[in-house]
PDB file of N, CA and C in Angstrom:
ATOM      1  N   UNK A   1    -176.905 117.637  17.876  1.00  0.00           N
ATOM      2  CA  UNK A   1    -176.548 118.641  16.902  1.00  0.00           C
ATOM      3  C   UNK A   1    -177.492 119.826  17.078  1.00  0.00           C
ATOM      4  N   UNK A   2    -176.939 121.042  17.173  1.00  0.00           N
ATOM      5  CA  UNK A   2    -177.786 122.214  17.363  1.00  0.00           C
ATOM      6  C   UNK A   2    -178.212 122.768  15.998  1.00  0.00           C
ATOM      7  N   UNK A   3    -179.350 123.445  15.954  1.00  0.00           N
ATOM      8  CA  UNK A   3    -179.829 124.016  14.689  1.00  0.00           C
ATOM      9  C   UNK A   3    -178.870 125.065  14.142  1.00  0.00           C
ATOM     10  N   UNK A   4    -178.939 125.307  12.856  1.00  0.00           N
ATOM     11  CA  UNK A   4    -178.094 126.314  12.218  1.00  0.00           C
ATOM     12  C   UNK A   4    -178.434 127.702  12.753  1.00  0.00           C
ATOM     13  N   UNK A   5    -177.442 128.569  12.898  1.00  0.00           N
ATOM     14  CA  UNK A   5    -177.698 129.919  13.408  1.00  0.00           C
ATOM     15  C   UNK A   5    -178.153 130.873  12.292  1.00  0.00           C
ATOM     16  N   UNK A   6    -179.325 130.611  11.715  1.00  0.00           N
ATOM     17  CA  UNK A   6    -179.865 131.477  10.670  1.00  0.00           C
ATOM     18  C   UNK A   6    -181.280 131.895  11.077  1.00  0.00           C
ATOM     19  N   UNK A   7    -181.732 133.003  10.521  1.00  0.00           N
ATOM     20  CA  UNK A   7    -183.071 133.490  10.862  1.00  0.00           C
ATOM     21  C   UNK A   7    -184.138 132.599  10.240  1.00  0.00           C
ATOM     22  N   UNK A   8    -185.348 132.721  10.757  1.00  0.00           N
ATOM     23  CA  UNK A   8    -186.462 131.932  10.234  1.00  0.00           C
ATOM     24  C   UNK A   8    -186.748 132.299   8.776  1.00  0.00           C
ATOM     25  N   UNK A   9    -186.643 133.585   8.468  1.00  0.00           N
ATOM     26  CA  UNK A   9    -186.881 134.047   7.086  1.00  0.00           C
ATOM     27  C   UNK A   9    -185.851 133.442   6.134  1.00  0.00           C
ATOM     28  N   UNK A  10    -184.611 133.445   6.535  1.00  0.00           N
ATOM     29  CA  UNK A  10    -183.551 132.858   5.708  1.00  0.00           C
ATOM     30  C   UNK A  10    -183.771 131.361   5.542  1.00  0.00           C
ATOM     31  N   UNK A  11    -184.172 130.699   6.605  1.00  0.00           N
ATOM     32  CA  UNK A  11    -184.418 129.254   6.542  1.00  0.00           C
ATOM     33  C   UNK A  11    -185.533 128.931   5.553  1.00  0.00           C
ATOM     34  N   UNK A  12    -186.589 129.733   5.556  1.00  0.00           N
ATOM     35  CA  UNK A  12    -187.701 129.500   4.634  1.00  0.00           C
ATOM     36  C   UNK A  12    -187.229 129.675   3.189  1.00  0.00           C
ATOM     37  N   UNK A  13    -186.469 130.748   2.935  1.00  0.00           N
ATOM     38  CA  UNK A  13    -185.973 131.000   1.574  1.00  0.00           C
ATOM     39  C   UNK A  13    -185.041 129.883   1.109  1.00  0.00           C
ATOM     40  N   UNK A  14    -184.134 129.459   1.978  1.00  0.00           N
ATOM     41  CA  UNK A  14    -183.204 128.381   1.610  1.00  0.00           C
ATOM     42  C   UNK A  14    -183.937 127.067   1.374  1.00  0.00           C
ATOM     43  N   UNK A  15    -184.908 126.767   2.201  1.00  0.00           N
ATOM     44  CA  UNK A  15    -185.666 125.523   2.042  1.00  0.00           C
ATOM     45  C   UNK A  15    -186.373 125.497   0.693  1.00  0.00           C
ATOM     46  N   UNK A  16    -186.929 126.637   0.290  1.00  0.00           N
ATOM     47  CA  UNK A  16    -187.583 126.706  -1.025  1.00  0.00           C
ATOM     48  C   UNK A  16    -186.568 126.511  -2.148  1.00  0.00           C
ATOM     49  N   UNK A  17    -185.432 127.200  -2.048  1.00  0.00           N
ATOM     50  CA  UNK A  17    -184.409 127.126  -3.103  1.00  0.00           C
ATOM     51  C   UNK A  17    -183.789 125.729  -3.216  1.00  0.00           C
ATOM     52  N   UNK A  18    -183.637 125.066  -2.077  1.00  0.00           N
ATOM     53  CA  UNK A  18    -183.007 123.748  -2.067  1.00  0.00           C
ATOM     54  C   UNK A  18    -184.017 122.605  -2.175  1.00  0.00           C
ATOM     55  N   UNK A  19    -185.301 122.953  -2.212  1.00  0.00           N
ATOM     56  CA  UNK A  19    -186.377 121.960  -2.344  1.00  0.00           C
ATOM     57  C   UNK A  19    -186.302 120.900  -1.243  1.00  0.00           C
ATOM     58  N   UNK A  20    -186.291 121.377   0.009  1.00  0.00           N
ATOM     59  CA  UNK A  20    -186.259 120.456   1.147  1.00  0.00           C
ATOM     60  C   UNK A  20    -187.058 121.048   2.300  1.00  0.00           C
ATOM     61  N   UNK A  21    -187.545 120.202   3.190  1.00  0.00           N
ATOM     62  CA  UNK A  21    -188.280 120.703   4.353  1.00  0.00           C
ATOM     63  C   UNK A  21    -187.371 121.543   5.261  1.00  0.00           C
ATOM     64  N   UNK A  22    -187.964 122.535   5.894  1.00  0.00           N
ATOM     65  CA  UNK A  22    -187.202 123.413   6.798  1.00  0.00           C
ATOM     66  C   UNK A  22    -186.549 122.611   7.917  1.00  0.00           C
ATOM     67  N   UNK A  23    -187.251 121.587   8.404  1.00  0.00           N
ATOM     68  CA  UNK A  23    -186.704 120.787   9.500  1.00  0.00           C
ATOM     69  C   UNK A  23    -185.390 120.120   9.093  1.00  0.00           C
ATOM     70  N   UNK A  24    -185.325 119.636   7.867  1.00  0.00           N
ATOM     71  CA  UNK A  24    -184.085 119.008   7.390  1.00  0.00           C
ATOM     72  C   UNK A  24    -182.985 120.051   7.261  1.00  0.00           C
ATOM     73  N   UNK A  25    -183.363 121.204   6.741  1.00  0.00           N
ATOM     74  CA  UNK A  25    -182.381 122.273   6.554  1.00  0.00           C
ATOM     75  C   UNK A  25    -181.785 122.722   7.883  1.00  0.00           C
ATOM     76  N   UNK A  26    -182.633 122.927   8.869  1.00  0.00           N
ATOM     77  CA  UNK A  26    -182.164 123.456  10.145  1.00  0.00           C
ATOM     78  C   UNK A  26    -181.244 122.492  10.894  1.00  0.00           C
ATOM     79  N   UNK A  27    -181.372 121.206  10.645  1.00  0.00           N
ATOM     80  CA  UNK A  27    -180.535 120.229  11.346  1.00  0.00           C
ATOM     81  C   UNK A  27    -179.455 119.633  10.455  1.00  0.00           C
ATOM     82  N   UNK A  28    -179.249 120.239   9.287  1.00  0.00           N
ATOM     83  CA  UNK A  28    -178.222 119.776   8.359  1.00  0.00           C
ATOM     84  C   UNK A  28    -176.852 120.278   8.848  1.00  0.00           C
ATOM     85  N   UNK A  29    -175.838 119.446   8.786  1.00  0.00           N
ATOM     86  CA  UNK A  29    -174.495 119.920   9.148  1.00  0.00           C
ATOM     87  C   UNK A  29    -174.086 121.100   8.258  1.00  0.00           C
ATOM     88  N   UNK A  30    -173.411 122.049   8.846  1.00  0.00           N
ATOM     89  CA  UNK A  30    -173.086 123.290   8.147  1.00  0.00           C
ATOM     90  C   UNK A  30    -172.247 123.049   6.888  1.00  0.00           C
ATOM     91  N   UNK A  31    -171.305 122.112   6.922  1.00  0.00           N
ATOM     92  CA  UNK A  31    -170.458 121.886   5.755  1.00  0.00           C
ATOM     93  C   UNK A  31    -171.270 121.330   4.578  1.00  0.00           C
ATOM     94  N   UNK A  32    -172.306 120.559   4.858  1.00  0.00           N
ATOM     95  CA  UNK A  32    -173.146 120.025   3.787  1.00  0.00           C
ATOM     96  C   UNK A  32    -174.008 121.149   3.206  1.00  0.00           C
ATOM     97  N   UNK A  33    -174.538 122.011   4.063  1.00  0.00           N
ATOM     98  CA  UNK A  33    -175.319 123.150   3.581  1.00  0.00           C
ATOM     99  C   UNK A  33    -174.460 124.047   2.699  1.00  0.00           C
ATOM    100  N   UNK A  34    -173.234 124.307   3.107  1.00  0.00           N
ATOM    101  CA  UNK A  34    -172.348 125.151   2.300  1.00  0.00           C
ATOM    102  C   UNK A  34    -172.076 124.523   0.936  1.00  0.00           C
ATOM    103  N   UNK A  35    -171.918 123.197   0.897  1.00  0.00           N
ATOM    104  CA  UNK A  35    -171.698 122.513  -0.380  1.00  0.00           C
ATOM    105  C   UNK A  35    -172.927 122.645  -1.273  1.00  0.00           C
ATOM    106  N   UNK A  36    -174.116 122.483  -0.706  1.00  0.00           N
ATOM    107  CA  UNK A  36    -175.347 122.603  -1.480  1.00  0.00           C
ATOM    108  C   UNK A  36    -175.532 124.025  -2.003  1.00  0.00           C
ATOM    109  N   UNK A  37    -175.189 125.019  -1.196  1.00  0.00           N
ATOM    110  CA  UNK A  37    -175.284 126.405  -1.636  1.00  0.00           C
ATOM    111  C   UNK A  37    -174.292 126.697  -2.759  1.00  0.00           C
ATOM    112  N   UNK A  38    -173.105 126.114  -2.686  1.00  0.00           N
ATOM    113  CA  UNK A  38    -172.123 126.287  -3.751  1.00  0.00           C
ATOM    114  C   UNK A  38    -172.619 125.658  -5.053  1.00  0.00           C
ATOM    115  N   UNK A  39    -173.229 124.483  -4.967  1.00  0.00           N
ATOM    116  CA  UNK A  39    -173.787 123.832  -6.152  1.00  0.00           C
ATOM    117  C   UNK A  39    -174.900 124.681  -6.756  1.00  0.00           C
ATOM    118  N   UNK A  40    -175.744 125.252  -5.908  1.00  0.00           N
ATOM    119  CA  UNK A  40    -176.834 126.107  -6.368  1.00  0.00           C
ATOM    120  C   UNK A  40    -176.275 127.346  -7.066  1.00  0.00           C
ATOM    121  N   UNK A  41    -175.230 127.936  -6.516  1.00  0.00           N
ATOM    122  CA  UNK A  41    -174.603 129.109  -7.122  1.00  0.00           C
ATOM    123  C   UNK A  41    -174.005 128.762  -8.481  1.00  0.00           C
ATOM    124  N   UNK A  42    -173.390 127.591  -8.610  1.00  0.00           N
ATOM    125  CA  UNK A  42    -172.826 127.170  -9.894  1.00  0.00           C
ATOM    126  C   UNK A  42    -173.918 126.993 -10.941  1.00  0.00           C
ATOM    127  N   UNK A  43    -175.049 126.417 -10.540  1.00  0.00           N
ATOM    128  CA  UNK A  43    -176.162 126.242 -11.471  1.00  0.00           C
ATOM    129  C   UNK A  43    -176.699 127.592 -11.934  1.00  0.00           C
ATOM    130  N   UNK A  44    -176.849 128.537 -11.009  1.00  0.00           N
ATOM    131  CA  UNK A  44    -177.337 129.868 -11.366  1.00  0.00           C
ATOM    132  C   UNK A  44    -176.359 130.571 -12.299  1.00  0.00           C
ATOM    133  N   UNK A  45    -175.063 130.425 -12.053  1.00  0.00           N
ATOM    134  CA  UNK A  45    -174.046 131.038 -12.904  1.00  0.00           C
ATOM    135  C   UNK A  45    -174.115 130.455 -14.316  1.00  0.00           C
ATOM    136  N   UNK A  46    -174.311 129.160 -14.420  1.00  0.00           N
ATOM    137  CA  UNK A  46    -174.414 128.517 -15.733  1.00  0.00           C
ATOM    138  C   UNK A  46    -175.638 129.024 -16.486  1.00  0.00           C
ATOM    139  N   UNK A  47    -176.738 129.218 -15.788  1.00  0.00           N
ATOM    140  CA  UNK A  47    -177.953 129.741 -16.426  1.00  0.00           C
ATOM    141  C   UNK A  47    -177.712 131.167 -16.903  1.00  0.00           C
ATOM    142  N   UNK A  48    -177.053 131.984 -16.079  1.00  0.00           N
ATOM    143  CA  UNK A  48    -176.758 133.364 -16.468  1.00  0.00           C
ATOM    144  C   UNK A  48    -175.847 133.408 -17.691  1.00  0.00           C
ATOM    145  N   UNK A  49    -174.827 132.569 -17.715  1.00  0.00           N
ATOM    146  CA  UNK A  49    -173.902 132.552 -18.842  1.00  0.00           C
ATOM    147  C   UNK A  49    -174.585 132.067 -20.111  1.00  0.00           C
ATOM    148  N   UNK A  50    -175.512 131.159 -19.971  1.00  0.00           N
ATOM    149  CA  UNK A  50    -176.249 130.650 -21.115  1.00  0.00           C
ATOM    150  C   UNK A  50    -177.172 131.732 -21.676  1.00  0.00           C
ATOM    151  N   UNK A  51    -177.749 132.555 -20.818  1.00  0.00           N
ATOM    152  CA  UNK A  51    -178.660 133.614 -21.250  1.00  0.00           C
ATOM    153  C   UNK A  51    -177.911 134.844 -21.740  1.00  0.00           C
ATOM    154  N   UNK A  52    -176.674 135.016 -21.366  1.00  0.00           N
ATOM    155  CA  UNK A  52    -175.910 136.208 -21.692  1.00  0.00           C
ATOM    156  C   UNK A  52    -175.780 136.443 -23.203  1.00  0.00           C
ATOM    157  N   UNK A  53    -175.452 135.462 -24.044  1.00  0.00           N
ATOM    158  CA  UNK A  53    -175.309 135.729 -25.479  1.00  0.00           C
ATOM    159  C   UNK A  53    -176.589 136.279 -26.117  1.00  0.00           C
ATOM    160  N   UNK A  54    -177.735 135.943 -25.593  1.00  0.00           N
ATOM    161  CA  UNK A  54    -178.990 136.433 -26.140  1.00  0.00           C
ATOM    162  C   UNK A  54    -179.151 137.926 -25.884  1.00  0.00           C
ATOM    163  N   UNK A  55    -178.549 138.443 -24.826  1.00  0.00           N
ATOM    164  CA  UNK A  55    -178.693 139.840 -24.469  1.00  0.00           C
ATOM    165  C   UNK A  55    -177.666 140.736 -25.143  1.00  0.00           C
ATOM    166  N   UNK A  56    -176.617 140.180 -25.722  1.00  0.00           N
ATOM    167  CA  UNK A  56    -175.565 140.970 -26.330  1.00  0.00           C
ATOM    168  C   UNK A  56    -175.984 141.470 -27.704  1.00  0.00           C
ATOM    169  N   UNK A  57    -175.477 142.650 -28.045  1.00  0.00           N
ATOM    170  CA  UNK A  57    -175.739 143.249 -29.343  1.00  0.00           C
ATOM    171  C   UNK A  57    -174.870 142.560 -30.392  1.00  0.00           C
ATOM    172  N   UNK A  58    -175.350 142.430 -31.643  1.00  0.00           N
ATOM    173  CA  UNK A  58    -174.521 141.804 -32.674  1.00  0.00           C
ATOM    174  C   UNK A  58    -173.295 142.634 -33.016  1.00  0.00           C
ATOM    175  N   UNK A  59    -173.359 143.963 -32.850  1.00  0.00           N
ATOM    176  CA  UNK A  59    -172.223 144.844 -33.103  1.00  0.00           C
ATOM    177  C   UNK A  59    -171.404 144.966 -31.823  1.00  0.00           C
ATOM    178  N   UNK A  60    -170.073 144.724 -31.876  1.00  0.00           N
ATOM    179  CA  UNK A  60    -169.274 144.755 -30.667  1.00  0.00           C
ATOM    180  C   UNK A  60    -169.280 146.125 -29.971  1.00  0.00           C
ATOM    181  N   UNK A  61    -169.514 147.241 -30.717  1.00  0.00           N
ATOM    182  CA  UNK A  61    -169.548 148.551 -30.105  1.00  0.00           C
ATOM    183  C   UNK A  61    -170.926 148.877 -29.532  1.00  0.00           C
ATOM    184  N   UNK A  62    -171.911 148.040 -29.786  1.00  0.00           N
ATOM    185  CA  UNK A  62    -173.237 148.242 -29.240  1.00  0.00           C
ATOM    186  C   UNK A  62    -174.107 149.170 -30.055  1.00  0.00           C
ATOM    187  N   UNK A  63    -173.633 149.553 -31.257  1.00  0.00           N
ATOM    188  CA  UNK A  63    -174.415 150.432 -32.110  1.00  0.00           C
ATOM    189  C   UNK A  63    -175.353 149.608 -32.971  1.00  0.00           C
ATOM    190  N   UNK A  64    -176.570 150.064 -33.178  1.00  0.00           N
ATOM    191  CA  UNK A  64    -177.479 149.313 -34.051  1.00  0.00           C
ATOM    192  C   UNK A  64    -177.014 149.357 -35.492  1.00  0.00           C
ATOM    193  N   UNK A  65    -177.245 148.290 -36.206  1.00  0.00           N
ATOM    194  CA  UNK A  65    -176.842 148.214 -37.611  1.00  0.00           C
ATOM    195  C   UNK A  65    -177.810 149.029 -38.467  1.00  0.00           C
ATOM    196  N   UNK A  66    -177.285 149.691 -39.532  1.00  0.00           N
ATOM    197  CA  UNK A  66    -178.118 150.514 -40.411  1.00  0.00           C
ATOM    198  C   UNK A  66    -178.585 149.732 -41.606  1.00  0.00           C
TER     199      UNK A  66
END
């Protein structure tokens, strides 16, 4: 199996995000890496959606209440 065609910088960033050694990442089958990246994206989306209500204004027009 040949290593993934990604740069060293990208490999380091992905290894940190996925909490795995670079060696495992570089020799991981591409379809498994894509699945892990999709799971990571879903988790990030859930965190963003959870934080979103805290950032919204209580008034639907965005005007401060008097």
